[in-house]
Protein backbone atom coordinates (compact mmCIF):
# COMPACT_ATOMS: atom_id res chain seq x y z
CA UNK A 1 0.01 0.12 -0.42
CA UNK A 2 1.36 3.24 -0.97
CA UNK A 3 1.59 6.09 1.62
CA UNK A 4 1.37 9.85 0.83
CA UNK A 5 -0.24 13.24 0.53
CA UNK A 6 -3.10 13.94 -2.20
CA UNK A 7 -2.91 16.48 -4.25
CA UNK A 8 -6.03 18.46 -2.25
CA UNK A 9 -4.17 18.04 0.81
CA UNK A 10 -0.88 19.46 -0.32
CA UNK A 11 -2.61 22.22 -2.14
CA UNK A 12 -3.96 22.75 1.34
CA UNK A 13 -0.84 22.40 3.14
CA UNK A 14 0.82 25.20 1.24
CA UNK A 15 -1.80 27.48 2.14
CA UNK A 16 -1.97 27.84 5.22
CA UNK A 17 1.78 27.64 5.12
CA UNK A 18 1.26 30.25 3.09
CA UNK A 19 -1.02 32.75 5.07
CA UNK A 20 1.07 32.21 7.76
CA UNK A 21 4.30 33.62 6.53
CA UNK A 22 2.21 36.05 5.36
CA UNK A 23 1.27 37.40 8.71
CA UNK A 24 5.03 37.14 9.61
CA UNK A 25 5.92 38.81 7.13
CA UNK A 26 3.17 41.91 7.31
CA UNK A 27 3.77 41.84 11.46
CA UNK A 28 7.42 41.99 11.16
CA UNK A 29 7.47 44.83 8.67
CA UNK A 30 5.00 46.66 10.94
CA UNK A 31 7.27 46.06 14.03
CA UNK A 32 10.08 47.68 12.04
CA UNK A 33 8.12 50.72 10.89
CA UNK A 34 7.00 51.63 14.36
CA UNK A 35 10.97 51.17 15.69
CA UNK A 36 11.85 54.06 12.78
CA UNK A 37 9.39 55.97 14.17
CA UNK A 38 10.34 55.56 17.65
CA UNK A 39 14.28 56.33 16.63
CA UNK A 40 13.42 59.51 15.19
CA UNK A 41 11.18 60.35 18.27
CA UNK A 42 14.27 59.58 20.58
CA UNK A 43 16.74 61.54 18.00
CA UNK A 44 14.89 64.83 19.13
CA UNK A 45 14.10 64.69 22.17
CA UNK A 46 18.02 63.48 22.30
CA UNK A 47 18.86 67.04 20.90
CA UNK A 48 16.19 69.11 22.87
CA UNK A 49 17.93 67.70 26.29
CA UNK A 50 21.36 67.78 25.17
CA UNK A 51 20.58 71.38 24.21
CA UNK A 52 19.12 71.90 27.83
CA UNK A 53 21.89 69.76 29.64
CA UNK A 54 24.17 72.74 28.11
CA UNK A 55 22.40 75.22 29.65
CA UNK A 56 21.87 74.16 33.00
CA UNK A 57 25.59 73.37 33.33
CA UNK A 58 26.99 76.53 32.24
CA UNK A 59 23.95 78.79 34.28
CA UNK A 60 24.73 76.26 37.29
CA UNK A 61 28.96 77.58 37.46
CA UNK A 62 27.80 81.37 36.74
CA UNK A 63 26.77 84.82 38.03
CA UNK A 64 25.18 87.86 37.13
CA UNK A 65 22.26 86.65 35.91
CA UNK A 66 19.82 88.96 33.57
CA UNK A 67 16.74 87.73 32.25
CA UNK A 68 16.40 90.39 29.34
CA UNK A 69 18.33 92.84 27.33
CA UNK A 70 15.85 95.05 26.89
CA UNK A 71 15.54 98.61 28.18
CA UNK A 72 12.71 99.46 30.51
CA UNK A 73 12.37 95.67 31.84
CA UNK A 74 14.15 94.95 35.29
CA UNK A 75 17.26 92.77 34.16
CA UNK A 76 17.38 91.13 37.24
CA UNK A 77 13.62 89.78 37.85
CA UNK A 78 12.09 87.78 35.52
CA UNK A 79 9.29 86.03 37.34
CA UNK A 80 6.91 85.97 34.23
CA UNK A 81 9.60 84.23 32.49
CA UNK A 82 11.24 85.78 29.34
CA UNK A 83 13.14 84.24 26.24
CA UNK A 84 16.54 85.57 26.35
CA UNK A 85 18.96 85.24 29.49
CA UNK A 86 22.53 86.45 29.70
CA UNK A 87 24.90 85.92 32.91
CA UNK A 88 28.68 85.83 33.30
CA UNK A 89 30.22 81.97 33.06
CA UNK A 90 32.88 80.92 35.55
CA UNK A 91 35.23 82.22 33.14
CA UNK A 92 33.83 86.17 33.07
CA UNK A 93 32.41 85.89 29.78
CA UNK A 94 29.09 87.24 28.89
CA UNK A 95 26.79 84.13 27.55
CA UNK A 96 23.26 84.82 26.23
CA UNK A 97 21.18 82.26 25.49
CA UNK A 98 17.99 82.89 23.37
CA UNK A 99 14.61 81.79 21.38
CA UNK A 100 15.19 83.55 17.57
CA UNK A 101 13.21 82.12 15.10
CA UNK A 102 12.02 78.68 16.58
CA UNK A 103 15.61 77.82 17.95
CA UNK A 104 17.60 78.31 20.72
CA UNK A 105 20.54 80.31 19.95
CA UNK A 106 24.04 80.43 22.32
CA UNK A 107 26.86 83.43 22.04
CA UNK A 108 29.75 83.46 24.05
CA UNK A 109 30.70 86.85 23.09
CA UNK A 110 28.62 89.34 24.75
CA UNK A 111 25.88 89.12 21.97
CA UNK A 112 27.83 89.81 18.04
CA UNK A 113 27.57 86.45 16.95
CA UNK A 114 25.03 83.56 17.81
CA UNK A 115 24.99 79.58 17.46
CA UNK A 116 22.03 77.56 17.30
CA UNK A 117 21.76 74.65 20.23
CA UNK A 118 19.31 72.60 18.29
CA UNK A 119 18.84 70.66 14.85
CA UNK A 120 17.18 72.58 12.30
CA UNK A 121 14.53 69.68 12.20
CA UNK A 122 13.10 71.21 15.94
CA UNK A 123 11.03 73.93 16.10
CA UNK A 124 11.49 75.79 19.42
CA UNK A 125 7.78 76.62 20.27
CA UNK A 126 8.79 78.52 23.86
CA UNK A 127 11.62 79.05 25.82
CA UNK A 128 11.08 81.13 28.71
CA UNK A 129 13.60 81.58 31.79
CA UNK A 130 12.36 82.64 35.21
CA UNK A 131 15.24 83.57 37.44
CA UNK A 132 14.74 83.41 41.45
CA UNK A 133 16.75 85.49 43.46
CA UNK A 134 18.99 87.12 41.18
CA UNK A 135 18.87 90.69 42.93
CA UNK A 136 22.11 91.17 44.67
CA UNK A 137 21.75 91.76 48.38
CA UNK A 138 18.26 90.11 48.51
CA UNK A 139 20.59 86.41 50.34
CA UNK A 140 18.64 83.72 48.57
CA UNK A 141 20.12 81.17 46.14
CA UNK A 142 19.95 82.58 42.61
CA UNK A 143 18.19 79.60 40.72
CA UNK A 144 16.71 79.89 37.15
CA UNK A 145 13.63 77.95 35.73
CA UNK A 146 13.81 76.69 31.72
CA UNK A 147 10.33 76.00 30.38
CA UNK A 148 10.84 74.93 27.05
CA UNK A 149 7.96 73.28 24.27
CA UNK A 150 9.69 71.89 21.47
CA UNK A 151 8.14 70.08 18.22
CA UNK A 152 10.17 67.94 16.10
CA UNK A 153 9.72 66.30 12.25
CA UNK A 154 9.81 62.43 12.60
CA UNK A 155 8.36 59.95 10.19
CA UNK A 156 5.03 59.34 11.57
CA UNK A 157 4.64 63.36 11.89
CA UNK A 158 4.94 65.96 14.07
CA UNK A 159 6.06 65.10 17.87
CA UNK A 160 5.91 67.85 20.65
CA UNK A 161 8.07 67.58 23.79
CA UNK A 162 8.01 69.62 26.37
CA UNK A 163 10.92 69.68 29.15
CA UNK A 164 11.90 71.93 32.02
CA UNK A 165 14.51 72.12 34.91
CA UNK A 166 15.31 74.26 37.55
CA UNK A 167 19.29 75.10 37.93
CA UNK A 168 20.81 76.41 41.11
CA UNK A 169 23.55 78.73 41.17
CA UNK A 170 26.91 76.74 42.84
CA UNK A 171 28.14 79.96 44.99
CA UNK A 172 31.46 80.03 45.90
CA UNK A 173 31.07 79.32 50.42
CA UNK A 174 32.10 83.32 51.60
């Protein structure tokens, strides 16, 4: 007696196997697409965190905090938040951070040349600096609250991110 598969059994087996392979491949391609979208979002977050960390590190060791370069505004007080901030770094140079054309920029020479801190694919919608205790003689340790809202173009569209950090000035002991 010959044992084997009939043609109908072979066609059914190949069909079931093909459907299973098709489902597996489409799931793999979907996972790959999701991974690329997540990776693009992480790149935007990393760039924003890097810019925030650069600002925080330098502000922490700085002195003479000023929230505005505009005349008529008290430069040492910005409880409502302003989009530019200047101070003297540990080396005595005047550093300025500002929001300009949806990018965060830094000047290390007092404002004549600005360099972007954020990538061109990131749109910073809001950047606010709030200085607390920056007035001289008030015996409050100066602190700067940095609040940022930005969006970045990812493969899945626009992703919006919000970051906030509080930086305390490191004052040398008297």
